[in-house]
């Protein structure tokens, strides 16, 4: 595994990452990491690689778009000085265009999304040694569905930025595709966005696979 002893791993994003984590600091006891994939990643790292002592921090905030990340980037990322930073943002940037179509102030269109995310990543690269990008997703198998099609476009932005900035990228939409061949979307997320425990396990497994986690050590 590429995570090393004593490193600090920070996850940042929206409600999918948040999952009722403690505020303002998302780490510690009593479900401080929330009840989602971040907590699962932490539990698996502790139980499988206890000798590494990886410190996991959850900085997800429900409802966030990339604009919100920009407003809290210094405090929640730069000042935290993580060794690893995992970023998953974009679901609300897209979703508000569909569930609040007439409130355009809420919409983060793709050009702003790309420019802002590029700026945040570039700033973080100055002090964070390792950055992992996770694509936004919509748990809908029909690629012609309007919101799924838009989400795929935002996911393509993340992939393009990853290639341009030489970062690891996890295609979360692709991670769900295999499971969606066998399960109806509501089984993984009642609203196709907020995952069930099984959905959060898909996220956790995708991240751990990217960092070389060995399950049977």
Protein backbone atom coordinates (compact mmCIF):
# COMPACT_ATOMS: atom_id res chain seq x y z
CA UNK A 1 0.00 0.00 0.00
CA UNK A 2 1.24 3.47 -0.83
CA UNK A 3 0.04 5.14 2.38
CA UNK A 4 2.94 5.32 4.81
CA UNK A 5 3.36 5.16 8.57
CA UNK A 6 2.02 8.15 10.48
CA UNK A 7 0.55 9.94 7.48
CA UNK A 8 -2.52 12.17 7.63
CA UNK A 9 -5.30 11.46 5.13
CA UNK A 10 -7.91 14.18 4.65
CA UNK A 11 -11.17 13.77 2.73
CA UNK A 12 -13.08 16.85 1.57
CA UNK A 13 -16.38 17.13 -0.26
CA UNK A 14 -20.13 17.43 0.21
CA UNK A 15 -22.80 15.42 2.06
CA UNK A 16 -21.55 12.13 0.61
CA UNK A 17 -18.33 12.73 2.50
CA UNK A 18 -19.87 14.53 5.49
CA UNK A 19 -22.33 11.85 6.67
CA UNK A 20 -22.94 13.63 9.99
CA UNK A 21 -19.28 13.94 10.90
CA UNK A 22 -18.32 16.07 13.91
CA UNK A 23 -18.00 19.83 13.39
CA UNK A 24 -15.75 21.70 13.12
CA UNK A 25 -13.10 18.98 13.33
CA UNK A 26 -14.10 15.72 11.70
CA UNK A 27 -11.97 13.30 13.64
CA UNK A 28 -11.93 11.64 17.03
CA UNK A 29 -14.29 9.38 18.95
CA UNK A 30 -18.02 8.64 18.79
CA UNK A 31 -18.66 8.69 15.03
CA UNK A 32 -16.61 11.87 14.58
CA UNK A 33 -15.75 10.68 11.06
CA UNK A 34 -19.43 10.30 10.20
CA UNK A 35 -21.22 7.15 9.09
CA UNK A 36 -20.12 6.93 5.47
CA UNK A 37 -17.22 5.84 3.33
CA UNK A 38 -14.66 7.92 5.25
CA UNK A 39 -15.43 6.02 8.44
CA UNK A 40 -15.27 2.73 6.53
CA UNK A 41 -11.87 3.63 5.07
CA UNK A 42 -10.62 4.54 8.54
CA UNK A 43 -11.93 1.30 10.09
CA UNK A 44 -10.39 -0.85 7.39
CA UNK A 45 -7.04 0.94 7.64
CA UNK A 46 -6.99 0.58 11.42
CA UNK A 47 -7.97 -3.08 11.41
CA UNK A 48 -5.80 -4.18 8.49
CA UNK A 49 -2.78 -1.87 8.83
CA UNK A 50 -2.72 -1.03 12.57
CA UNK A 51 1.05 -0.63 12.54
CA UNK A 52 0.83 2.35 10.17
CA UNK A 53 -1.24 4.59 12.44
CA UNK A 54 -2.86 6.46 9.56
CA UNK A 55 -4.70 9.57 10.79
CA UNK A 56 -7.98 10.10 8.90
CA UNK A 57 -9.81 13.46 8.88
CA UNK A 58 -13.26 14.16 7.42
CA UNK A 59 -13.85 17.68 6.09
CA UNK A 60 -16.98 16.99 4.08
CA UNK A 61 -19.80 19.53 4.45
CA UNK A 62 -23.35 18.79 3.36
CA UNK A 63 -24.68 20.87 0.48
CA UNK A 64 -21.28 22.09 -0.65
CA UNK A 65 -20.35 22.97 -4.19
CA UNK A 66 -16.88 23.80 -5.44
CA UNK A 67 -17.64 27.44 -4.54
CA UNK A 68 -18.05 26.43 -0.90
CA UNK A 69 -14.78 24.50 -0.98
CA UNK A 70 -13.05 27.65 -2.21
CA UNK A 71 -14.41 29.63 0.75
CA UNK A 72 -13.04 27.14 3.32
CA UNK A 73 -9.97 25.83 1.50
CA UNK A 74 -7.37 27.59 3.65
CA UNK A 75 -8.83 26.47 6.97
CA UNK A 76 -10.02 23.01 6.05
CA UNK A 77 -7.19 21.92 3.74
CA UNK A 78 -4.07 24.10 3.66
CA UNK A 79 -3.87 24.72 7.41
CA UNK A 80 -4.50 21.03 8.11
CA UNK A 81 -1.25 20.12 6.32
CA UNK A 82 -2.31 16.62 5.25
CA UNK A 83 0.03 14.15 3.59
CA UNK A 84 -2.87 12.91 1.45
CA UNK A 85 -5.88 14.84 0.20
CA UNK A 86 -8.90 13.15 -1.42
CA UNK A 87 -11.32 15.51 -3.18
CA UNK A 88 -14.83 14.55 -4.30
CA UNK A 89 -17.01 17.51 -5.29
CA UNK A 90 -19.47 18.31 -8.05
CA UNK A 91 -22.70 16.51 -7.22
CA UNK A 92 -24.46 19.62 -5.88
CA UNK A 93 -22.92 21.75 -8.63
CA UNK A 94 -24.92 19.58 -11.05
CA UNK A 95 -27.92 18.67 -8.89
CA UNK A 96 -28.99 22.27 -8.21
CA UNK A 97 -29.38 22.72 -11.96
CA UNK A 98 -32.07 20.01 -11.85
CA UNK A 99 -33.79 20.21 -8.47
CA UNK A 100 -33.73 24.03 -8.34
CA UNK A 101 -33.79 24.92 -12.05
CA UNK A 102 -35.15 28.45 -11.57
CA UNK A 103 -32.73 29.49 -8.80
CA UNK A 104 -29.74 30.06 -11.03
CA UNK A 105 -27.72 31.58 -8.19
CA UNK A 106 -27.32 28.02 -6.91
CA UNK A 107 -25.98 26.68 -10.20
CA UNK A 108 -22.27 26.10 -10.74
CA UNK A 109 -21.82 25.66 -14.46
CA UNK A 110 -19.04 23.59 -15.89
CA UNK A 111 -16.62 26.40 -16.81
CA UNK A 112 -16.70 27.79 -13.26
CA UNK A 113 -16.45 24.29 -11.85
CA UNK A 114 -13.33 23.50 -13.85
CA UNK A 115 -11.60 26.84 -13.23
CA UNK A 116 -12.29 26.78 -9.48
CA UNK A 117 -11.28 23.16 -9.01
CA UNK A 118 -8.10 23.74 -11.03
CA UNK A 119 -7.23 26.71 -8.82
CA UNK A 120 -7.85 24.82 -5.57
CA UNK A 121 -5.80 21.82 -6.68
CA UNK A 122 -2.94 24.02 -7.87
CA UNK A 123 -2.85 25.78 -4.51
CA UNK A 124 -2.98 22.52 -2.57
CA UNK A 125 -0.15 21.01 -4.61
CA UNK A 126 2.25 23.55 -3.10
CA UNK A 127 1.99 21.92 0.33
CA UNK A 128 0.17 18.58 -0.04
CA UNK A 129 2.43 15.80 -1.35
CA UNK A 130 -0.35 13.47 -2.54
CA UNK A 131 -3.72 14.39 -4.03
CA UNK A 132 -6.42 11.98 -5.20
CA UNK A 133 -9.38 13.17 -7.26
CA UNK A 134 -12.67 11.29 -7.09
CA UNK A 135 -15.24 11.95 -9.80
CA UNK A 136 -18.75 13.09 -8.90
CA UNK A 137 -21.41 10.49 -9.63
CA UNK A 138 -25.11 9.85 -10.13
CA UNK A 139 -26.36 6.36 -9.36
CA UNK A 140 -28.38 6.05 -12.55
CA UNK A 141 -27.49 3.44 -15.21
CA UNK A 142 -29.22 5.28 -18.06
CA UNK A 143 -26.47 7.41 -19.61
CA UNK A 144 -29.13 9.34 -21.55
CA UNK A 145 -30.79 10.56 -18.36
CA UNK A 146 -30.30 14.33 -18.32
CA UNK A 147 -28.67 14.61 -14.89
CA UNK A 148 -26.51 11.53 -15.47
CA UNK A 149 -25.28 13.01 -18.76
CA UNK A 150 -24.39 16.30 -17.11
CA UNK A 151 -22.68 14.51 -14.22
CA UNK A 152 -20.59 12.55 -16.71
CA UNK A 153 -19.44 15.85 -18.22
CA UNK A 154 -18.32 17.09 -14.80
CA UNK A 155 -16.63 13.75 -14.18
CA UNK A 156 -14.76 14.20 -17.46
CA UNK A 157 -13.48 17.55 -16.14
CA UNK A 158 -12.06 15.79 -13.08
CA UNK A 159 -10.35 13.20 -15.27
CA UNK A 160 -8.92 15.91 -17.51
CA UNK A 161 -7.57 17.89 -14.56
CA UNK A 162 -6.06 14.73 -13.12
CA UNK A 163 -4.21 14.05 -16.36
CA UNK A 164 -3.10 17.67 -16.73
CA UNK A 165 -1.88 17.99 -13.14
CA UNK A 166 -0.52 14.43 -12.94
CA UNK A 167 -2.77 13.26 -10.12
CA UNK A 168 -4.43 9.98 -9.26
CA UNK A 169 -8.08 9.88 -10.34
CA UNK A 170 -10.76 7.45 -9.17
CA UNK A 171 -13.72 7.04 -11.51
CA UNK A 172 -16.50 6.66 -8.96
CA UNK A 173 -19.21 6.51 -11.61
CA UNK A 174 -17.45 3.50 -13.12
CA UNK A 175 -17.18 1.89 -9.69
CA UNK A 176 -20.97 1.93 -9.41
CA UNK A 177 -21.55 0.61 -12.93
CA UNK A 178 -20.71 -2.99 -12.11
CA UNK A 179 -23.05 -3.08 -9.13
CA UNK A 180 -25.82 -1.40 -11.14
CA UNK A 181 -25.81 -4.34 -13.53
CA UNK A 182 -27.40 -6.35 -10.73
CA UNK A 183 -29.18 -3.87 -8.44
CA UNK A 184 -31.81 -1.18 -8.95
CA UNK A 185 -30.40 2.31 -8.19
CA UNK A 186 -32.63 2.82 -5.14
CA UNK A 187 -30.93 -0.18 -3.53
CA UNK A 188 -27.70 1.84 -3.47
CA UNK A 189 -29.20 5.31 -2.95
CA UNK A 190 -32.87 6.13 -2.51
CA UNK A 191 -32.41 9.45 -4.35
CA UNK A 192 -29.60 8.19 -6.61
CA UNK A 193 -27.16 10.44 -4.74
CA UNK A 194 -26.91 9.64 -1.01
CA UNK A 195 -25.60 6.07 -0.73
CA UNK A 196 -26.84 3.27 1.48
CA UNK A 197 -24.21 1.34 3.47
CA UNK A 198 -23.64 -0.81 0.38
CA UNK A 199 -23.14 2.32 -1.71
CA UNK A 200 -20.65 3.72 0.77
CA UNK A 201 -18.77 0.43 0.62
CA UNK A 202 -18.48 0.89 -3.15
CA UNK A 203 -16.87 4.28 -2.48
CA UNK A 204 -14.56 2.95 0.24
CA UNK A 205 -13.44 0.00 -1.88
CA UNK A 206 -12.74 2.25 -4.86
CA UNK A 207 -10.53 4.51 -2.77
CA UNK A 208 -8.68 1.67 -1.06
CA UNK A 209 -8.07 -0.08 -4.36
CA UNK A 210 -6.44 3.10 -5.68
CA UNK A 211 -3.98 3.25 -2.77
CA UNK A 212 -3.04 -0.42 -3.04
CA UNK A 213 -4.91 -1.75 -0.02
CA UNK A 214 -4.36 -5.51 0.44
CA UNK A 215 -7.48 -7.12 1.86
CA UNK A 216 -6.08 -10.49 2.97
CA UNK A 217 -2.80 -9.50 4.59
